[in-house]
Amino acid sequence: MRARDRFLEWTLRVDPKVGLRHVGKCLICWECCVDTPSAERARDWCLKHLGATGHTGFQLSAFEFFDAILTDHPSVNGTPPT
């Protein structure tokens, strides 16, 4: 019996329970706010940090969590293996 090599098809699936997250970061001292689903809250943190420190450079980042699922595997789509 020989093993057969083949390419597998994967799909990325966004985690709907988490959604899009935002982080404000100070580019002077690198302090960050806690990630939040609201871009406005991350910007508010930047303004509060400005008031407390006088730092004027910031970065706003958005990210999402996702996982990879095998979409052409028999356990996923019910087709026989090739």
C-alpha atoms as a PDB file:
ATOM      1  CA  MET A   1       0.000   0.000   0.000  1.00  0.00           C
ATOM      2  CA  ARG A   2       1.351   3.423  -0.948  1.00  0.00           C
ATOM      3  CA  ALA A   3       0.437   6.804   0.461  1.00  0.00           C
ATOM      4  CA  ARG A   4      -0.716   9.453  -2.003  1.00  0.00           C
ATOM      5  CA  ASP A   5       0.266  13.067  -1.611  1.00  0.00           C
ATOM      6  CA  ARG A   6      -2.275  15.717  -2.524  1.00  0.00           C
ATOM      7  CA  PHE A   7      -3.050  19.320  -1.724  1.00  0.00           C
ATOM      8  CA  LEU A   8      -5.720  19.990   0.861  1.00  0.00           C
ATOM      9  CA  GLU A   9      -8.236  22.826   0.711  1.00  0.00           C
ATOM     10  CA  TRP A  10      -8.512  25.025   3.786  1.00  0.00           C
ATOM     11  CA  THR A  11     -10.924  27.834   4.612  1.00  0.00           C
ATOM     12  CA  LEU A  12     -10.466  30.632   7.137  1.00  0.00           C
ATOM     13  CA  ARG A  13     -13.473  31.153   9.403  1.00  0.00           C
ATOM     14  CA  VAL A  14     -13.905  34.312  11.505  1.00  0.00           C
ATOM     15  CA  ASP A  15     -14.912  33.704  15.115  1.00  0.00           C
ATOM     16  CA  PRO A  16     -18.303  35.477  15.331  1.00  0.00           C
ATOM     17  CA  LYS A  17     -18.269  35.465  19.153  1.00  0.00           C
ATOM     18  CA  VAL A  18     -15.249  37.774  19.249  1.00  0.00           C
ATOM     19  CA  GLY A  19     -15.698  40.013  16.207  1.00  0.00           C
ATOM     20  CA  LEU A  20     -13.424  42.865  15.190  1.00  0.00           C
ATOM     21  CA  ARG A  21     -11.204  44.235  17.995  1.00  0.00           C
ATOM     22  CA  HIS A  22      -9.380  47.593  18.239  1.00  0.00           C
ATOM     23  CA  VAL A  23      -6.279  48.702  20.134  1.00  0.00           C
ATOM     24  CA  GLY A  24      -4.895  52.207  20.588  1.00  0.00           C
ATOM     25  CA  LYS A  25      -1.125  52.414  21.091  1.00  0.00           C
ATOM     26  CA  CYS A  26       1.085  55.337  22.052  1.00  0.00           C
ATOM     27  CA  LEU A  27       4.037  55.608  19.662  1.00  0.00           C
ATOM     28  CA  ILE A  28       6.100  57.489  22.262  1.00  0.00           C
ATOM     29  CA  CYS A  29       5.999  55.097  25.245  1.00  0.00           C
ATOM     30  CA  TRP A  30       4.322  52.061  23.565  1.00  0.00           C
ATOM     31  CA  GLU A  31       1.563  51.869  26.193  1.00  0.00           C
ATOM     32  CA  CYS A  32      -1.655  50.318  24.828  1.00  0.00           C
ATOM     33  CA  CYS A  33      -5.285  50.280  25.804  1.00  0.00           C
ATOM     34  CA  VAL A  34      -7.089  47.012  26.442  1.00  0.00           C
ATOM     35  CA  ASP A  35      -8.529  45.712  23.168  1.00  0.00           C
ATOM     36  CA  THR A  36     -12.140  46.712  22.616  1.00  0.00           C
ATOM     37  CA  PRO A  37     -14.831  46.072  19.991  1.00  0.00           C
ATOM     38  CA  SER A  38     -15.221  49.851  19.637  1.00  0.00           C
ATOM     39  CA  ALA A  39     -12.751  51.934  17.609  1.00  0.00           C
ATOM     40  CA  GLU A  40     -14.188  55.009  19.342  1.00  0.00           C
ATOM     41  CA  ARG A  41     -13.236  53.647  22.785  1.00  0.00           C
ATOM     42  CA  ALA A  42      -9.693  52.997  21.587  1.00  0.00           C
ATOM     43  CA  ARG A  43      -9.501  56.592  20.279  1.00  0.00           C
ATOM     44  CA  ASP A  44     -10.876  57.886  23.595  1.00  0.00           C
ATOM     45  CA  TRP A  45      -8.074  56.052  25.380  1.00  0.00           C
ATOM     46  CA  CYS A  46      -5.570  57.813  23.108  1.00  0.00           C
ATOM     47  CA  LEU A  47      -7.049  61.202  24.033  1.00  0.00           C
ATOM     48  CA  LYS A  48      -6.943  60.369  27.765  1.00  0.00           C
ATOM     49  CA  HIS A  49      -3.341  59.231  27.395  1.00  0.00           C
ATOM     50  CA  LEU A  50      -2.537  62.510  25.607  1.00  0.00           C
ATOM     51  CA  GLY A  51      -4.036  64.453  28.510  1.00  0.00           C
ATOM     52  CA  ALA A  52      -2.103  62.451  31.100  1.00  0.00           C
ATOM     53  CA  THR A  53       1.284  62.366  29.357  1.00  0.00           C
ATOM     54  CA  GLY A  54       1.392  64.977  26.591  1.00  0.00           C
ATOM     55  CA  HIS A  55       2.307  62.250  24.093  1.00  0.00           C
ATOM     56  CA  THR A  56       0.931  63.071  20.637  1.00  0.00           C
ATOM     57  CA  GLY A  57       1.713  60.061  18.412  1.00  0.00           C
ATOM     58  CA  PHE A  58      -0.713  57.145  18.293  1.00  0.00           C
ATOM     59  CA  GLN A  59      -1.593  54.087  16.259  1.00  0.00           C
ATOM     60  CA  LEU A  60      -5.023  52.469  16.023  1.00  0.00           C
ATOM     61  CA  SER A  61      -5.023  48.792  15.014  1.00  0.00           C
ATOM     62  CA  ALA A  62      -7.950  46.525  14.220  1.00  0.00           C
ATOM     63  CA  PHE A  63      -7.762  42.737  14.222  1.00  0.00           C
ATOM     64  CA  GLU A  64      -9.995  39.700  14.241  1.00  0.00           C
ATOM     65  CA  PHE A  65      -9.676  36.138  15.473  1.00  0.00           C
ATOM     66  CA  PHE A  66     -10.230  33.272  13.057  1.00  0.00           C
ATOM     67  CA  ASP A  67      -9.422  29.623  12.639  1.00  0.00           C
ATOM     68  CA  ALA A  68      -8.605  27.404   9.689  1.00  0.00           C
ATOM     69  CA  ILE A  69     -10.852  24.472   8.844  1.00  0.00           C
ATOM     70  CA  LEU A  70     -10.162  21.702   6.386  1.00  0.00           C
ATOM     71  CA  THR A  71     -12.917  21.931   3.743  1.00  0.00           C
ATOM     72  CA  ASP A  72     -12.106  18.993   1.445  1.00  0.00           C
ATOM     73  CA  HIS A  73     -11.723  16.318   4.112  1.00  0.00           C
ATOM     74  CA  PRO A  74     -14.288  13.458   4.163  1.00  0.00           C
ATOM     75  CA  SER A  75     -15.230  14.280   7.751  1.00  0.00           C
ATOM     76  CA  VAL A  76     -16.224  17.785   6.615  1.00  0.00           C
ATOM     77  CA  ASN A  77     -18.024  17.261   3.315  1.00  0.00           C
ATOM     78  CA  GLY A  78     -18.953  13.576   3.341  1.00  0.00           C
ATOM     79  CA  THR A  79     -17.036  12.662   0.172  1.00  0.00           C
ATOM     80  CA  PRO A  80     -14.912   9.510  -0.005  1.00  0.00           C
ATOM     81  CA  PRO A  81     -11.133  10.022   0.224  1.00  0.00           C
ATOM     82  CA  THR A  82      -9.168   9.926  -3.039  1.00  0.00           C
END
